[in-house]
């Protein structure tokens, strides 16, 4: 009954968002054209992201949409909706499963299948962009395992935008910020993911899972003192309500470009290849730029008057050891021992299980 009520409510919200933005629900996609047939469709599709329109991520979405339109010769025209204008990231994860939207570049919601966490947030596992590239490229362990799960949810992942090394932004410096055994005396928003909640509780915070679109007002009104998720690019969105960046380096955020499975199968194989290649092209462009992007936003925050705190290697190892000992065991039954064993084998580190 709860799920039924949620779906009814979400459907109403989605339709409202479409009406406000001038959109109408997409018609059902056509069957896949045969390879020897010329495609005759002319699609107008939506791509959504919760991230702000001024960010590098949103700009990459605009560029990707332009490439898709040009390279399909107008057969697939994609309009980008940033700033959570079609709904928060967890809402749009549901919308893409139903086909209310065709594409997204978002965090992946593991409430539908906890194994999805392997492709988004596994804390203090690695902090290396080359490792992220190896794991998340087509054929990589994370890309393959994610698609095993998401195909059953009626969408597929195509590639990712590396959104930077994670941390949290706050209104003030907490108690002993990099000592996981000292209560921080502050409450921060975390993403509505089990791994995020457990990790930041272990680091000493009180936590609250708040929809991304409500975080700014939650900080303004004092419900929370900060927000977790993403890197310095995301922190920049909260520059007027926070003033401290703690560079925990708990993960590297991948925002995944994903497509509704029915929409994918409605495409001619030529256009499937065009879209996949365009996504991979944007992925590689970002991977070449992401370290510079991290530093650029950090410099912008510092120039804006923020306090930037970065753990020493010893402090990071202490936090990592605490999370691996106390949090990882609780994630094994959620993500599956099999998935985590494959991940560790690919990274060349001892198995968790």
Protein backbone atom coordinates (compact mmCIF):
# COMPACT_ATOMS: atom_id res chain seq x y z
CA UNK A 1 0.00 0.00 0.00
CA UNK A 2 2.85 2.37 0.82
CA UNK A 3 4.52 1.69 -2.53
CA UNK A 4 1.20 2.22 -4.34
CA UNK A 5 0.66 5.53 -2.54
CA UNK A 6 4.22 6.62 -3.34
CA UNK A 7 3.83 5.83 -7.03
CA UNK A 8 0.55 7.78 -7.23
CA UNK A 9 2.13 10.77 -5.51
CA UNK A 10 5.30 10.66 -7.62
CA UNK A 11 3.28 10.37 -10.81
CA UNK A 12 1.30 13.47 -9.86
CA UNK A 13 4.49 15.38 -9.07
CA UNK A 14 6.12 14.31 -12.32
CA UNK A 15 3.12 15.37 -14.38
CA UNK A 16 3.06 18.69 -12.56
CA UNK A 17 6.73 19.27 -13.29
CA UNK A 18 6.18 18.52 -16.96
CA UNK A 19 3.27 20.93 -17.19
CA UNK A 20 5.26 23.69 -15.50
CA UNK A 21 8.17 23.17 -17.87
CA UNK A 22 5.92 23.07 -20.90
CA UNK A 23 6.45 19.36 -21.52
CA UNK A 24 3.97 16.60 -22.16
CA UNK A 25 4.53 12.94 -21.31
CA UNK A 26 6.43 11.12 -24.03
CA UNK A 27 4.52 8.69 -26.22
CA UNK A 28 5.44 5.02 -25.88
CA UNK A 29 8.66 4.29 -27.80
CA UNK A 30 8.46 2.44 -31.09
CA UNK A 31 9.88 -1.05 -31.61
CA UNK A 32 13.53 -1.28 -32.57
CA UNK A 33 13.99 -0.66 -36.30
CA UNK A 34 15.73 -3.51 -38.12
CA UNK A 35 19.40 -2.84 -38.95
CA UNK A 36 18.63 -2.78 -42.67
CA UNK A 37 15.80 -0.26 -42.26
CA UNK A 38 16.26 3.47 -42.34
CA UNK A 39 15.06 5.07 -39.06
CA UNK A 40 12.01 7.27 -39.59
CA UNK A 41 11.43 8.50 -36.07
CA UNK A 42 11.95 12.04 -34.82
CA UNK A 43 12.19 11.91 -31.03
CA UNK A 44 12.04 14.81 -28.58
CA UNK A 45 13.50 13.48 -25.38
CA UNK A 46 14.29 14.85 -21.92
CA UNK A 47 17.52 14.54 -19.94
CA UNK A 48 17.43 15.57 -16.29
CA UNK A 49 19.99 16.29 -13.61
CA UNK A 50 19.53 17.62 -10.09
CA UNK A 51 22.80 19.55 -10.32
CA UNK A 52 22.78 23.29 -10.92
CA UNK A 53 22.84 24.72 -14.43
CA UNK A 54 26.03 26.68 -13.72
CA UNK A 55 28.08 23.57 -12.91
CA UNK A 56 30.45 21.62 -15.13
CA UNK A 57 28.13 18.61 -14.94
CA UNK A 58 25.12 20.44 -16.30
CA UNK A 59 27.24 22.02 -19.02
CA UNK A 60 28.47 18.56 -20.03
CA UNK A 61 24.85 17.48 -20.35
CA UNK A 62 24.13 20.41 -22.66
CA UNK A 63 27.14 19.51 -24.82
CA UNK A 64 26.12 15.85 -24.91
CA UNK A 65 22.57 16.72 -25.96
CA UNK A 66 23.92 18.89 -28.78
CA UNK A 67 26.20 16.08 -29.99
CA UNK A 68 23.33 13.58 -29.99
CA UNK A 69 21.10 15.91 -32.01
CA UNK A 70 23.80 16.67 -34.56
CA UNK A 71 25.14 13.14 -34.97
CA UNK A 72 21.69 11.55 -35.33
CA UNK A 73 20.85 14.27 -37.87
CA UNK A 74 17.92 15.41 -35.76
CA UNK A 75 16.37 11.98 -35.24
CA UNK A 76 16.95 12.29 -31.48
CA UNK A 77 16.64 15.79 -30.00
CA UNK A 78 17.37 16.00 -26.29
CA UNK A 79 16.39 18.89 -24.01
CA UNK A 80 18.32 19.14 -20.73
CA UNK A 81 16.54 20.02 -17.48
CA UNK A 82 19.09 20.89 -14.75
CA UNK A 83 18.48 22.30 -11.25
CA UNK A 84 16.18 19.39 -10.32
CA UNK A 85 13.49 21.09 -12.41
CA UNK A 86 11.82 17.75 -13.17
CA UNK A 87 12.34 16.45 -9.64
CA UNK A 88 15.04 15.46 -7.15
CA UNK A 89 17.47 12.72 -8.11
CA UNK A 90 15.59 9.94 -6.31
CA UNK A 91 12.34 10.96 -8.01
CA UNK A 92 13.94 11.04 -11.46
CA UNK A 93 15.45 7.58 -10.83
CA UNK A 94 11.87 6.34 -10.57
CA UNK A 95 10.70 8.40 -13.53
CA UNK A 96 13.32 6.92 -15.83
CA UNK A 97 12.27 3.40 -14.88
CA UNK A 98 8.69 4.17 -15.85
CA UNK A 99 9.71 5.97 -19.04
CA UNK A 100 8.36 9.37 -17.96
CA UNK A 101 11.77 10.70 -18.97
CA UNK A 102 14.23 9.12 -21.35
CA UNK A 103 17.66 10.14 -20.00
CA UNK A 104 19.27 11.34 -16.80
CA UNK A 105 22.66 12.16 -15.35
CA UNK A 106 22.19 11.46 -11.67
CA UNK A 107 23.29 9.62 -8.59
CA UNK A 108 21.81 6.11 -8.68
CA UNK A 109 19.17 5.29 -6.08
CA UNK A 110 19.91 1.98 -4.35
CA UNK A 111 16.51 1.84 -2.66
CA UNK A 112 15.30 -0.14 -5.69
CA UNK A 113 18.10 -2.68 -5.41
CA UNK A 114 20.80 -2.31 -2.78
CA UNK A 115 23.44 -3.76 -5.11
CA UNK A 116 23.32 -0.48 -7.06
CA UNK A 117 25.53 0.99 -4.31
CA UNK A 118 28.51 -0.70 -5.94
CA UNK A 119 28.30 1.85 -8.74
CA UNK A 120 27.83 4.90 -6.61
CA UNK A 121 28.91 4.96 -2.97
CA UNK A 122 31.29 2.42 -1.46
CA UNK A 123 33.12 4.49 1.19
CA UNK A 124 36.89 4.67 1.53
CA UNK A 125 37.45 1.99 -1.11
CA UNK A 126 39.62 3.92 -3.57
CA UNK A 127 40.44 7.54 -4.25
CA UNK A 128 42.11 7.32 -7.63
CA UNK A 129 40.67 8.56 -10.91
CA UNK A 130 42.50 5.86 -12.89
CA UNK A 131 40.82 3.23 -10.73
CA UNK A 132 37.45 4.87 -11.36
CA UNK A 133 38.09 4.81 -15.11
CA UNK A 134 39.04 1.11 -15.03
CA UNK A 135 36.02 0.09 -12.96
CA UNK A 136 33.38 2.21 -14.69
CA UNK A 137 34.33 1.96 -18.38
CA UNK A 138 32.27 -0.34 -20.64
CA UNK A 139 33.48 -3.83 -19.83
CA UNK A 140 34.71 -2.74 -16.41
CA UNK A 141 33.43 -4.52 -13.32
CA UNK A 142 31.22 -1.69 -12.04
CA UNK A 143 29.73 -0.88 -15.45
CA UNK A 144 28.93 -4.55 -16.08
CA UNK A 145 27.50 -5.31 -12.65
CA UNK A 146 25.42 -2.14 -12.61
CA UNK A 147 23.81 -3.03 -15.91
CA UNK A 148 23.04 -6.53 -14.65
CA UNK A 149 20.93 -4.87 -11.96
CA UNK A 150 19.46 -1.86 -13.75
CA UNK A 151 18.22 -3.81 -16.79
CA UNK A 152 15.82 -5.48 -14.38
CA UNK A 153 14.61 -2.00 -13.40
CA UNK A 154 14.01 -0.96 -17.03
CA UNK A 155 16.98 1.32 -17.52
CA UNK A 156 20.64 1.02 -18.44
CA UNK A 157 23.76 3.00 -17.61
CA UNK A 158 25.78 4.31 -20.53
CA UNK A 159 28.66 6.14 -18.86
CA UNK A 160 29.40 8.56 -16.08
CA UNK A 161 30.46 12.10 -15.28
CA UNK A 162 33.18 12.05 -12.63
CA UNK A 163 31.92 14.73 -10.27
CA UNK A 164 34.92 14.96 -8.00
CA UNK A 165 36.35 13.76 -4.72
CA UNK A 166 33.73 13.76 -1.98
CA UNK A 167 33.40 15.48 1.35
CA UNK A 168 30.94 17.61 3.26
CA UNK A 169 30.28 21.34 3.56
CA UNK A 170 29.25 22.89 6.88
CA UNK A 171 28.43 26.19 8.54
CA UNK A 172 31.30 25.82 11.05
CA UNK A 173 34.30 23.63 11.77
CA UNK A 174 33.13 20.58 13.77
CA UNK A 175 34.87 19.00 16.73
CA UNK A 176 38.05 17.10 15.70
CA UNK A 177 36.90 16.94 12.06
CA UNK A 178 39.11 14.02 11.01
CA UNK A 179 38.95 11.91 14.19
CA UNK A 180 36.19 9.31 13.66
CA UNK A 181 35.94 8.60 17.39
CA UNK A 182 35.02 12.16 18.39
CA UNK A 183 31.34 13.23 18.11
CA UNK A 184 31.17 16.21 15.78
CA UNK A 185 28.29 17.96 17.54
CA UNK A 186 26.72 18.82 14.18
CA UNK A 187 24.02 17.43 11.93
CA UNK A 188 24.62 17.11 8.20
CA UNK A 189 22.42 16.06 5.34
CA UNK A 190 23.41 12.77 3.73
CA UNK A 191 22.11 11.16 0.59
CA UNK A 192 19.32 8.69 1.19
CA UNK A 193 21.70 5.75 0.84
CA UNK A 194 22.44 3.27 3.61
CA UNK A 195 26.19 3.48 3.03
CA UNK A 196 26.16 7.29 3.33
CA UNK A 197 24.21 7.24 6.57
CA UNK A 198 26.42 4.57 8.17
CA UNK A 199 29.63 6.24 7.03
CA UNK A 200 28.87 9.71 8.35
CA UNK A 201 27.48 8.33 11.59
CA UNK A 202 30.78 6.47 12.01
CA UNK A 203 32.67 9.69 11.32
CA UNK A 204 30.83 11.24 14.25
CA UNK A 205 27.91 13.15 12.76
CA UNK A 206 24.22 13.24 13.42
CA UNK A 207 22.65 12.74 9.99
CA UNK A 208 19.41 13.41 8.15
CA UNK A 209 18.42 12.10 4.72
CA UNK A 210 16.90 15.14 2.99
CA UNK A 211 15.93 15.42 -0.69
CA UNK A 212 18.54 17.40 -2.59
CA UNK A 213 16.08 20.09 -3.64
CA UNK A 214 15.30 20.83 0.01
CA UNK A 215 18.88 20.92 1.33
CA UNK A 216 19.49 24.64 0.79
CA UNK A 217 16.44 25.64 2.82
CA UNK A 218 17.23 22.98 5.45
CA UNK A 219 20.62 24.60 6.01
CA UNK A 220 19.15 28.09 5.97
CA UNK A 221 16.59 27.19 8.65
CA UNK A 222 19.07 25.27 10.79
CA UNK A 223 17.55 21.82 10.37
CA UNK A 224 21.03 20.69 9.35
CA UNK A 225 24.36 22.50 9.35
CA UNK A 226 25.68 21.08 6.13
CA UNK A 227 25.44 18.63 3.26
CA UNK A 228 27.29 15.53 2.11
CA UNK A 229 27.63 14.24 -1.41
CA UNK A 230 29.63 15.20 -4.41
CA UNK A 231 32.79 17.24 -4.33
CA UNK A 232 33.71 20.88 -4.35
CA UNK A 233 31.53 21.42 -7.43
CA UNK A 234 28.48 20.56 -5.33
CA UNK A 235 29.75 22.56 -2.36
CA UNK A 236 29.89 25.64 -4.61
CA UNK A 237 26.10 25.42 -4.94
CA UNK A 238 25.89 26.06 -1.16
CA UNK A 239 28.45 28.86 -1.05
CA UNK A 240 26.03 31.34 0.54
CA UNK A 241 24.80 29.09 3.37
CA UNK A 242 27.96 27.12 4.26
CA UNK A 243 31.50 28.30 4.86
CA UNK A 244 33.61 25.20 5.58
CA UNK A 245 34.69 22.39 3.25
CA UNK A 246 35.94 19.12 4.78
CA UNK A 247 37.67 17.14 2.06
CA UNK A 248 37.01 13.69 3.53
CA UNK A 249 37.88 11.91 0.28
CA UNK A 250 35.40 9.20 1.20
CA UNK A 251 34.60 8.48 -2.45
CA UNK A 252 34.73 9.84 -6.00
CA UNK A 253 31.24 10.68 -7.14
CA UNK A 254 30.04 9.26 -10.45
CA UNK A 255 26.86 10.79 -11.81
CA UNK A 256 25.63 8.23 -14.32
CA UNK A 257 24.19 8.97 -17.71
CA UNK A 258 21.38 6.46 -17.99
CA UNK A 259 18.55 5.76 -20.41
CA UNK A 260 15.16 4.15 -20.14
CA UNK A 261 15.44 0.63 -21.54
CA UNK A 262 12.35 0.88 -23.75
CA UNK A 263 13.64 4.15 -25.21
CA UNK A 264 16.99 2.48 -25.92
CA UNK A 265 15.36 -0.40 -27.76
CA UNK A 266 13.30 2.00 -29.84
CA UNK A 267 16.50 3.30 -31.44
CA UNK A 268 18.07 2.07 -34.65
CA UNK A 269 21.39 0.31 -33.89
CA UNK A 270 23.21 3.16 -35.62
CA UNK A 271 21.72 5.70 -33.20
CA UNK A 272 22.37 3.43 -30.22
CA UNK A 273 26.04 3.47 -31.20
CA UNK A 274 26.03 7.23 -31.72
CA UNK A 275 24.59 7.90 -28.26
CA UNK A 276 26.85 5.42 -26.48
CA UNK A 277 29.93 6.84 -28.23
CA UNK A 278 28.90 10.42 -27.40
CA UNK A 279 28.45 9.55 -23.72
CA UNK A 280 31.82 7.82 -23.59
CA UNK A 281 33.41 10.84 -25.27
CA UNK A 282 32.00 13.16 -22.59
CA UNK A 283 33.13 10.72 -19.91
CA UNK A 284 36.72 10.82 -21.15
CA UNK A 285 36.73 14.60 -21.54
CA UNK A 286 35.68 14.93 -17.91
CA UNK A 287 38.23 12.39 -16.69
CA UNK A 288 40.95 14.51 -18.27
CA UNK A 289 39.57 17.63 -16.58
CA UNK A 290 38.24 16.42 -13.24
CA UNK A 291 41.34 16.95 -11.09
CA UNK A 292 41.56 20.53 -12.38
CA UNK A 293 37.83 20.96 -11.76
CA UNK A 294 38.21 19.79 -8.16
CA UNK A 295 40.97 22.29 -7.51
CA UNK A 296 39.21 25.08 -9.38
CA UNK A 297 36.08 24.86 -7.23
CA UNK A 298 38.20 24.54 -4.10
CA UNK A 299 40.05 27.73 -5.05
CA UNK A 300 36.74 29.48 -5.76
CA UNK A 301 35.42 28.47 -2.34
CA UNK A 302 38.58 29.70 -0.64
CA UNK A 303 38.39 33.01 -2.52
CA UNK A 304 34.76 33.25 -1.40
CA UNK A 305 35.98 33.15 2.21
CA UNK A 306 35.54 29.47 3.02
CA UNK A 307 37.75 27.45 5.33
CA UNK A 308 39.18 24.43 3.49
CA UNK A 309 40.34 21.46 5.59
CA UNK A 310 42.12 18.44 4.09
CA UNK A 311 43.09 15.37 6.14
CA UNK A 312 46.69 14.22 6.33
CA UNK A 313 47.46 10.78 4.95
CA UNK A 314 47.54 9.45 8.52
CA UNK A 315 44.16 10.99 9.35
CA UNK A 316 42.66 9.59 6.16
CA UNK A 317 43.98 6.10 6.94
CA UNK A 318 42.49 6.31 10.46
CA UNK A 319 39.07 7.23 9.06
CA UNK A 320 39.33 4.57 6.37
CA UNK A 321 40.23 1.90 8.92
CA UNK A 322 37.25 2.81 11.10
CA UNK A 323 34.79 2.74 8.19
CA UNK A 324 36.19 -0.49 6.76
CA UNK A 325 35.98 -2.20 10.13
CA UNK A 326 32.56 -0.96 11.25
CA UNK A 327 30.65 -0.01 8.09
CA UNK A 328 31.80 -2.39 5.37
CA UNK A 329 30.51 -5.54 7.13
CA UNK A 330 27.02 -4.00 7.18
CA UNK A 331 27.22 -3.31 3.44
CA UNK A 332 28.23 -6.82 2.39
CA UNK A 333 24.72 -8.33 2.66
CA UNK A 334 23.27 -5.28 0.88
CA UNK A 335 25.64 -5.18 -2.09
CA UNK A 336 26.40 -8.94 -2.14
CA UNK A 337 29.64 -10.70 -1.36
CA UNK A 338 29.97 -11.77 -4.99
CA UNK A 339 29.86 -8.19 -6.30
CA UNK A 340 32.30 -6.93 -3.68
CA UNK A 341 34.73 -9.79 -4.27
CA UNK A 342 34.82 -8.95 -7.99
CA UNK A 343 35.40 -5.30 -7.18
CA UNK A 344 38.29 -6.00 -4.83
CA UNK A 345 39.86 -8.46 -7.26
CA UNK A 346 39.76 -5.82 -9.99
CA UNK A 347 41.42 -3.27 -7.67
CA UNK A 348 44.00 -5.81 -6.55
CA UNK A 349 43.15 -5.42 -2.85
CA UNK A 350 42.22 -8.05 -0.24
CA UNK A 351 38.63 -9.21 -0.46
CA UNK A 352 36.20 -7.66 2.00
CA UNK A 353 34.33 -10.90 2.57
